């Protein structure tokens, strides 16, 4: 790999990308905590919030024609 003309540039670019990803990971981890805590919060939220039950087409009575007549 060291014999290639762009090997040094590629290694530097990969190093910079790894550092940027690590910085973003630290930022996101600070904001949202770890994935397990976030999943527990989401599951608790879903059990706490009452879902709305909308009727399906099979449950609703027919209220008229589907298309207006000319």
PDB file of N, CA and C in Angstrom:
ATOM      1  N   UNK A   1       0.826  -1.194   0.000  1.00  0.00           N
ATOM      2  CA  UNK A   1       0.000   0.000   0.000  1.00  0.00           C
ATOM      3  C   UNK A   1       0.869   1.257   0.000  1.00  0.00           C
ATOM      4  N   UNK A   2       2.019   1.204   0.634  1.00  0.00           N
ATOM      5  CA  UNK A   2       2.886   2.375   0.692  1.00  0.00           C
ATOM      6  C   UNK A   2       3.503   2.719  -0.658  1.00  0.00           C
ATOM      7  N   UNK A   3       3.498   1.775  -1.601  1.00  0.00           N
ATOM      8  CA  UNK A   3       4.075   2.033  -2.910  1.00  0.00           C
ATOM      9  C   UNK A   3       3.156   2.871  -3.790  1.00  0.00           C
ATOM     10  N   UNK A   4       1.883   2.914  -3.472  1.00  0.00           N
ATOM     11  CA  UNK A   4       0.928   3.657  -4.290  1.00  0.00           C
ATOM     12  C   UNK A   4       1.101   5.156  -4.064  1.00  0.00           C
ATOM     13  N   UNK A   5       0.933   5.918  -5.131  1.00  0.00           N
ATOM     14  CA  UNK A   5       1.154   7.362  -5.074  1.00  0.00           C
ATOM     15  C   UNK A   5       0.174   8.072  -4.137  1.00  0.00           C
ATOM     16  N   UNK A   6      -1.042   7.549  -4.022  1.00  0.00           N
ATOM     17  CA  UNK A   6      -2.061   8.217  -3.212  1.00  0.00           C
ATOM     18  C   UNK A   6      -2.285   7.538  -1.863  1.00  0.00           C
ATOM     19  N   UNK A   7      -1.422   6.617  -1.477  1.00  0.00           N
ATOM     20  CA  UNK A   7      -1.608   5.877  -0.226  1.00  0.00           C
ATOM     21  C   UNK A   7      -1.602   6.815   0.982  1.00  0.00           C
ATOM     22  N   UNK A   8      -0.676   7.745   1.036  1.00  0.00           N
ATOM     23  CA  UNK A   8      -0.594   8.685   2.165  1.00  0.00           C
ATOM     24  C   UNK A   8      -1.839   9.558   2.222  1.00  0.00           C
ATOM     25  N   UNK A   9      -2.286  10.056   1.062  1.00  0.00           N
ATOM     26  CA  UNK A   9      -3.494  10.885   1.043  1.00  0.00           C
ATOM     27  C   UNK A   9      -4.725  10.098   1.482  1.00  0.00           C
ATOM     28  N   UNK A  10      -4.806   8.849   1.035  1.00  0.00           N
ATOM     29  CA  UNK A  10      -5.933   8.008   1.412  1.00  0.00           C
ATOM     30  C   UNK A  10      -5.928   7.725   2.910  1.00  0.00           C
ATOM     31  N   UNK A  11      -4.776   7.401   3.451  1.00  0.00           N
ATOM     32  CA  UNK A  11      -4.693   7.128   4.886  1.00  0.00           C
ATOM     33  C   UNK A  11      -5.041   8.370   5.709  1.00  0.00           C
ATOM     34  N   UNK A  12      -4.604   9.525   5.254  1.00  0.00           N
ATOM     35  CA  UNK A  12      -4.958  10.767   5.959  1.00  0.00           C
ATOM     36  C   UNK A  12      -6.454  11.041   5.889  1.00  0.00           C
ATOM     37  N   UNK A  13      -7.051  10.812   4.728  1.00  0.00           N
ATOM     38  CA  UNK A  13      -8.489  11.024   4.577  1.00  0.00           C
ATOM     39  C   UNK A  13      -9.279  10.059   5.467  1.00  0.00           C
ATOM     40  N   UNK A  14      -8.845   8.799   5.532  1.00  0.00           N
ATOM     41  CA  UNK A  14      -9.515   7.827   6.399  1.00  0.00           C
ATOM     42  C   UNK A  14      -9.361   8.194   7.872  1.00  0.00           C
ATOM     43  N   UNK A  15      -8.197   8.669   8.250  1.00  0.00           N
ATOM     44  CA  UNK A  15      -7.975   9.087   9.640  1.00  0.00           C
ATOM     45  C   UNK A  15      -8.893  10.253   9.996  1.00  0.00           C
ATOM     46  N   UNK A  16      -8.982  11.239   9.098  1.00  0.00           N
ATOM     47  CA  UNK A  16      -9.864  12.384   9.340  1.00  0.00           C
ATOM     48  C   UNK A  16     -11.320  11.955   9.441  1.00  0.00           C
ATOM     49  N   UNK A  17     -11.746  11.030   8.583  1.00  0.00           N
ATOM     50  CA  UNK A  17     -13.121  10.541   8.618  1.00  0.00           C
ATOM     51  C   UNK A  17     -13.411   9.816   9.926  1.00  0.00           C
ATOM     52  N   UNK A  18     -12.472   8.991  10.387  1.00  0.00           N
ATOM     53  CA  UNK A  18     -12.656   8.285  11.662  1.00  0.00           C
ATOM     54  C   UNK A  18     -12.776   9.268  12.819  1.00  0.00           C
ATOM     55  N   UNK A  19     -11.957  10.297  12.816  1.00  0.00           N
ATOM     56  CA  UNK A  19     -12.011  11.303  13.881  1.00  0.00           C
ATOM     57  C   UNK A  19     -13.339  12.058  13.852  1.00  0.00           C
ATOM     58  N   UNK A  20     -13.815  12.377  12.656  1.00  0.00           N
ATOM     59  CA  UNK A  20     -15.086  13.085  12.531  1.00  0.00           C
ATOM     60  C   UNK A  20     -16.246  12.210  13.012  1.00  0.00           C
ATOM     61  N   UNK A  21     -16.221  10.934  12.665  1.00  0.00           N
ATOM     62  CA  UNK A  21     -17.261  10.013  13.112  1.00  0.00           C
ATOM     63  C   UNK A  21     -17.234   9.883  14.632  1.00  0.00           C
ATOM     64  N   UNK A  22     -16.051   9.792  15.207  1.00  0.00           N
ATOM     65  CA  UNK A  22     -15.931   9.688  16.664  1.00  0.00           C
ATOM     66  C   UNK A  22     -16.470  10.943  17.339  1.00  0.00           C
ATOM     67  N   UNK A  23     -16.155  12.117  16.790  1.00  0.00           N
ATOM     68  CA  UNK A  23     -16.672  13.368  17.345  1.00  0.00           C
ATOM     69  C   UNK A  23     -18.194  13.414  17.284  1.00  0.00           C
ATOM     70  N   UNK A  24     -18.772  12.997  16.155  1.00  0.00           N
ATOM     71  CA  UNK A  24     -20.223  12.988  16.023  1.00  0.00           C
ATOM     72  C   UNK A  24     -20.861  11.979  16.973  1.00  0.00           C
ATOM     73  N   UNK A  25     -20.211  10.834  17.163  1.00  0.00           N
ATOM     74  CA  UNK A  25     -20.724   9.831  18.090  1.00  0.00           C
ATOM     75  C   UNK A  25     -20.765  10.380  19.515  1.00  0.00           C
ATOM     76  N   UNK A  26     -19.707  11.074  19.925  1.00  0.00           N
ATOM     77  CA  UNK A  26     -19.665  11.655  21.263  1.00  0.00           C
ATOM     78  C   UNK A  26     -20.770  12.692  21.425  1.00  0.00           C
ATOM     79  N   UNK A  27     -20.989  13.514  20.399  1.00  0.00           N
ATOM     80  CA  UNK A  27     -22.042  14.525  20.445  1.00  0.00           C
ATOM     81  C   UNK A  27     -23.417  13.879  20.566  1.00  0.00           C
ATOM     82  N   UNK A  28     -23.682  12.881  19.741  1.00  0.00           N
ATOM     83  CA  UNK A  28     -24.983  12.210  19.759  1.00  0.00           C
ATOM     84  C   UNK A  28     -25.182  11.436  21.060  1.00  0.00           C
ATOM     85  N   UNK A  29     -24.144  10.780  21.545  1.00  0.00           N
ATOM     86  CA  UNK A  29     -24.245  10.043  22.809  1.00  0.00           C
ATOM     87  C   UNK A  29     -24.530  11.000  23.959  1.00  0.00           C
ATOM     88  N   UNK A  30     -23.956  12.184  23.930  1.00  0.00           N
ATOM     89  CA  UNK A  30     -24.238  13.179  24.964  1.00  0.00           C
ATOM     90  C   UNK A  30     -25.652  13.698  24.897  1.00  0.00           C
ATOM     91  N   UNK A  31     -26.183  13.791  23.705  1.00  0.00           N
ATOM     92  CA  UNK A  31     -27.533  14.313  23.527  1.00  0.00           C
ATOM     93  C   UNK A  31     -28.593  13.276  23.851  1.00  0.00           C
ATOM     94  N   UNK A  32     -28.400  12.041  23.399  1.00  0.00           N
ATOM     95  CA  UNK A  32     -29.454  11.027  23.508  1.00  0.00           C
ATOM     96  C   UNK A  32     -29.119   9.891  24.458  1.00  0.00           C
ATOM     97  N   UNK A  33     -27.981   9.923  25.107  1.00  0.00           N
ATOM     98  CA  UNK A  33     -27.535   8.851  25.994  1.00  0.00           C
ATOM     99  C   UNK A  33     -27.251   7.600  25.177  1.00  0.00           C
ATOM    100  N   UNK A  34     -27.318   6.450  25.769  1.00  0.00           N
ATOM    101  CA  UNK A  34     -26.984   5.240  25.015  1.00  0.00           C
ATOM    102  C   UNK A  34     -28.235   4.653  24.344  1.00  0.00           C
ATOM    103  N   UNK A  35     -28.075   3.763  23.380  1.00  0.00           N
ATOM    104  CA  UNK A  35     -29.236   3.226  22.652  1.00  0.00           C
ATOM    105  C   UNK A  35     -30.238   2.487  23.540  1.00  0.00           C
ATOM    106  N   UNK A  36     -29.775   1.816  24.594  1.00  0.00           N
ATOM    107  CA  UNK A  36     -30.686   1.092  25.471  1.00  0.00           C
ATOM    108  C   UNK A  36     -31.597   2.059  26.228  1.00  0.00           C
ATOM    109  N   UNK A  37     -31.050   3.161  26.702  1.00  0.00           N
ATOM    110  CA  UNK A  37     -31.851   4.156  27.408  1.00  0.00           C
ATOM    111  C   UNK A  37     -32.864   4.785  26.465  1.00  0.00           C
ATOM    112  N   UNK A  38     -32.439   5.077  25.246  1.00  0.00           N
ATOM    113  CA  UNK A  38     -33.344   5.659  24.264  1.00  0.00           C
ATOM    114  C   UNK A  38     -34.482   4.697  23.917  1.00  0.00           C
ATOM    115  N   UNK A  39     -34.181   3.412  23.771  1.00  0.00           N
ATOM    116  CA  UNK A  39     -35.217   2.418  23.480  1.00  0.00           C
ATOM    117  C   UNK A  39     -36.170   2.277  24.649  1.00  0.00           C
ATOM    118  N   UNK A  40     -35.666   2.284  25.868  1.00  0.00           N
ATOM    119  CA  UNK A  40     -36.532   2.189  27.050  1.00  0.00           C
ATOM    120  C   UNK A  40     -37.461   3.395  27.127  1.00  0.00           C
ATOM    121  N   UNK A  41     -36.951   4.588  26.824  1.00  0.00           N
ATOM    122  CA  UNK A  41     -37.781   5.790  26.816  1.00  0.00           C
ATOM    123  C   UNK A  41     -38.882   5.675  25.762  1.00  0.00           C
ATOM    124  N   UNK A  42     -38.525   5.210  24.584  1.00  0.00           N
ATOM    125  CA  UNK A  42     -39.499   5.063  23.508  1.00  0.00           C
ATOM    126  C   UNK A  42     -40.581   4.053  23.875  1.00  0.00           C
ATOM    127  N   UNK A  43     -40.185   2.919  24.435  1.00  0.00           N
ATOM    128  CA  UNK A  43     -41.169   1.901  24.809  1.00  0.00           C
ATOM    129  C   UNK A  43     -42.096   2.414  25.910  1.00  0.00           C
ATOM    130  N   UNK A  44     -41.554   3.137  26.878  1.00  0.00           N
ATOM    131  CA  UNK A  44     -42.382   3.715  27.934  1.00  0.00           C
ATOM    132  C   UNK A  44     -43.341   4.749  27.354  1.00  0.00           C
ATOM    133  N   UNK A  45     -42.871   5.530  26.421  1.00  0.00           N
ATOM    134  CA  UNK A  45     -43.722   6.523  25.770  1.00  0.00           C
ATOM    135  C   UNK A  45     -44.865   5.856  25.012  1.00  0.00           C
ATOM    136  N   UNK A  46     -44.576   4.777  24.317  1.00  0.00           N
ATOM    137  CA  UNK A  46     -45.609   4.076  23.552  1.00  0.00           C
ATOM    138  C   UNK A  46     -46.650   3.424  24.460  1.00  0.00           C
ATOM    139  N   UNK A  47     -46.255   2.976  25.632  1.00  0.00           N
ATOM    140  CA  UNK A  47     -47.233   2.382  26.540  1.00  0.00           C
ATOM    141  C   UNK A  47     -48.027   3.453  27.279  1.00  0.00           C
ATOM    142  N   UNK A  48     -47.452   4.630  27.455  1.00  0.00           N
ATOM    143  CA  UNK A  48     -48.126   5.710  28.173  1.00  0.00           C
ATOM    144  C   UNK A  48     -49.147   6.429  27.302  1.00  0.00           C
ATOM    145  N   UNK A  49     -48.784   6.702  26.073  1.00  0.00           N
ATOM    146  CA  UNK A  49     -49.652   7.444  25.166  1.00  0.00           C
ATOM    147  C   UNK A  49     -50.754   6.514  24.667  1.00  0.00           C
ATOM    148  N   UNK A  50     -51.977   6.960  24.810  1.00  0.00           N
ATOM    149  CA  UNK A  50     -53.106   6.155  24.347  1.00  0.00           C
ATOM    150  C   UNK A  50     -53.211   6.257  22.826  1.00  0.00           C
ATOM    151  N   UNK A  51     -53.221   5.133  22.157  1.00  0.00           N
ATOM    152  CA  UNK A  51     -53.356   5.192  20.693  1.00  0.00           C
ATOM    153  C   UNK A  51     -54.785   5.529  20.296  1.00  0.00           C
ATOM    154  N   UNK A  52     -54.925   6.193  19.197  1.00  0.00           N
ATOM    155  CA  UNK A  52     -56.246   6.471  18.636  1.00  0.00           C
ATOM    156  C   UNK A  52     -56.646   5.302  17.760  1.00  0.00           C
ATOM    157  N   UNK A  53     -57.870   4.873  17.911  1.00  0.00           N
ATOM    158  CA  UNK A  53     -58.359   3.773  17.094  1.00  0.00           C
ATOM    159  C   UNK A  53     -59.258   4.346  16.005  1.00  0.00           C
ATOM    160  N   UNK A  54     -58.787   4.253  14.811  1.00  0.00           N
ATOM    161  CA  UNK A  54     -59.547   4.714  13.673  1.00  0.00           C
ATOM    162  C   UNK A  54     -60.263   3.513  13.069  1.00  0.00           C
ATOM    163  N   UNK A  55     -61.466   3.726  12.606  1.00  0.00           N
ATOM    164  CA  UNK A  55     -62.200   2.636  11.991  1.00  0.00           C
ATOM    165  C   UNK A  55     -61.597   2.261  10.654  1.00  0.00           C
ATOM    166  N   UNK A  56     -61.762   1.022  10.296  1.00  0.00           N
ATOM    167  CA  UNK A  56     -61.316   0.582   8.982  1.00  0.00           C
ATOM    168  C   UNK A  56     -62.499   0.653   8.036  1.00  0.00           C
ATOM    169  N   UNK A  57     -62.255   0.444   6.781  1.00  0.00           N
ATOM    170  CA  UNK A  57     -63.321   0.502   5.784  1.00  0.00           C
ATOM    171  C   UNK A  57     -64.376  -0.551   6.084  1.00  0.00           C
ATOM    172  N   UNK A  58     -63.954  -1.712   6.561  1.00  0.00           N
ATOM    173  CA  UNK A  58     -64.905  -2.783   6.842  1.00  0.00           C
ATOM    174  C   UNK A  58     -65.784  -2.448   8.040  1.00  0.00           C
ATOM    175  N   UNK A  59     -65.319  -1.610   8.955  1.00  0.00           N
ATOM    176  CA  UNK A  59     -66.066  -1.290  10.155  1.00  0.00           C
ATOM    177  C   UNK A  59     -67.006  -0.110   9.961  1.00  0.00           C
ATOM    178  N   UNK A  60     -66.749   0.740   9.010  1.00  0.00           N
ATOM    179  CA  UNK A  60     -67.558   1.931   8.838  1.00  0.00           C
ATOM    180  C   UNK A  60     -68.763   1.649   7.957  1.00  0.00           C
ATOM    181  N   UNK A  61     -69.919   2.214   8.313  1.00  0.00           N
ATOM    182  CA  UNK A  61     -71.087   2.015   7.452  1.00  0.00           C
ATOM    183  C   UNK A  61     -70.945   2.813   6.165  1.00  0.00           C
ATOM    184  N   UNK A  62     -71.578   2.347   5.131  1.00  0.00           N
ATOM    185  CA  UNK A  62     -71.549   3.061   3.851  1.00  0.00           C
ATOM    186  C   UNK A  62     -72.369   4.330   4.009  1.00  0.00           C
ATOM    187  N   UNK A  63     -71.778   5.450   3.628  1.00  0.00           N
ATOM    188  CA  UNK A  63     -72.467   6.724   3.783  1.00  0.00           C
ATOM    189  C   UNK A  63     -72.945   7.284   2.467  1.00  0.00           C
ATOM    190  N   UNK A  64     -72.699   6.618   1.382  1.00  0.00           N
ATOM    191  CA  UNK A  64     -73.129   7.123   0.104  1.00  0.00           C
ATOM    192  C   UNK A  64     -72.326   6.490  -1.016  1.00  0.00           C
ATOM    193  N   UNK A  65     -72.509   7.020  -2.185  1.00  0.00           N
ATOM    194  CA  UNK A  65     -71.786   6.484  -3.325  1.00  0.00           C
ATOM    195  C   UNK A  65     -70.317   6.900  -3.267  1.00  0.00           C
ATOM    196  N   UNK A  66     -69.483   6.059  -3.816  1.00  0.00           N
ATOM    197  CA  UNK A  66     -68.058   6.349  -3.826  1.00  0.00           C
ATOM    198  C   UNK A  66     -67.746   7.489  -4.799  1.00  0.00           C
ATOM    199  N   UNK A  67     -68.486   7.534  -5.905  1.00  0.00           N
ATOM    200  CA  UNK A  67     -68.255   8.564  -6.911  1.00  0.00           C
ATOM    201  C   UNK A  67     -69.558   9.291  -7.168  1.00  0.00           C
ATOM    202  N   UNK A  68     -69.506  10.579  -7.332  1.00  0.00           N
ATOM    203  CA  UNK A  68     -70.748  11.315  -7.623  1.00  0.00           C
ATOM    204  C   UNK A  68     -71.271  10.962  -9.018  1.00  0.00           C
ATOM    205  N   UNK A  69     -72.557  10.911  -9.116  1.00  0.00           N
ATOM    206  CA  UNK A  69     -73.134  10.631 -10.435  1.00  0.00           C
ATOM    207  C   UNK A  69     -73.243  11.929 -11.208  1.00  0.00           C
ATOM    208  N   UNK A  70     -73.076  11.871 -12.522  1.00  0.00           N
ATOM    209  CA  UNK A  70     -73.107  13.099 -13.331  1.00  0.00           C
ATOM    210  C   UNK A  70     -74.486  13.692 -13.444  1.00  0.00           C
TER     211      UNK A  70
END
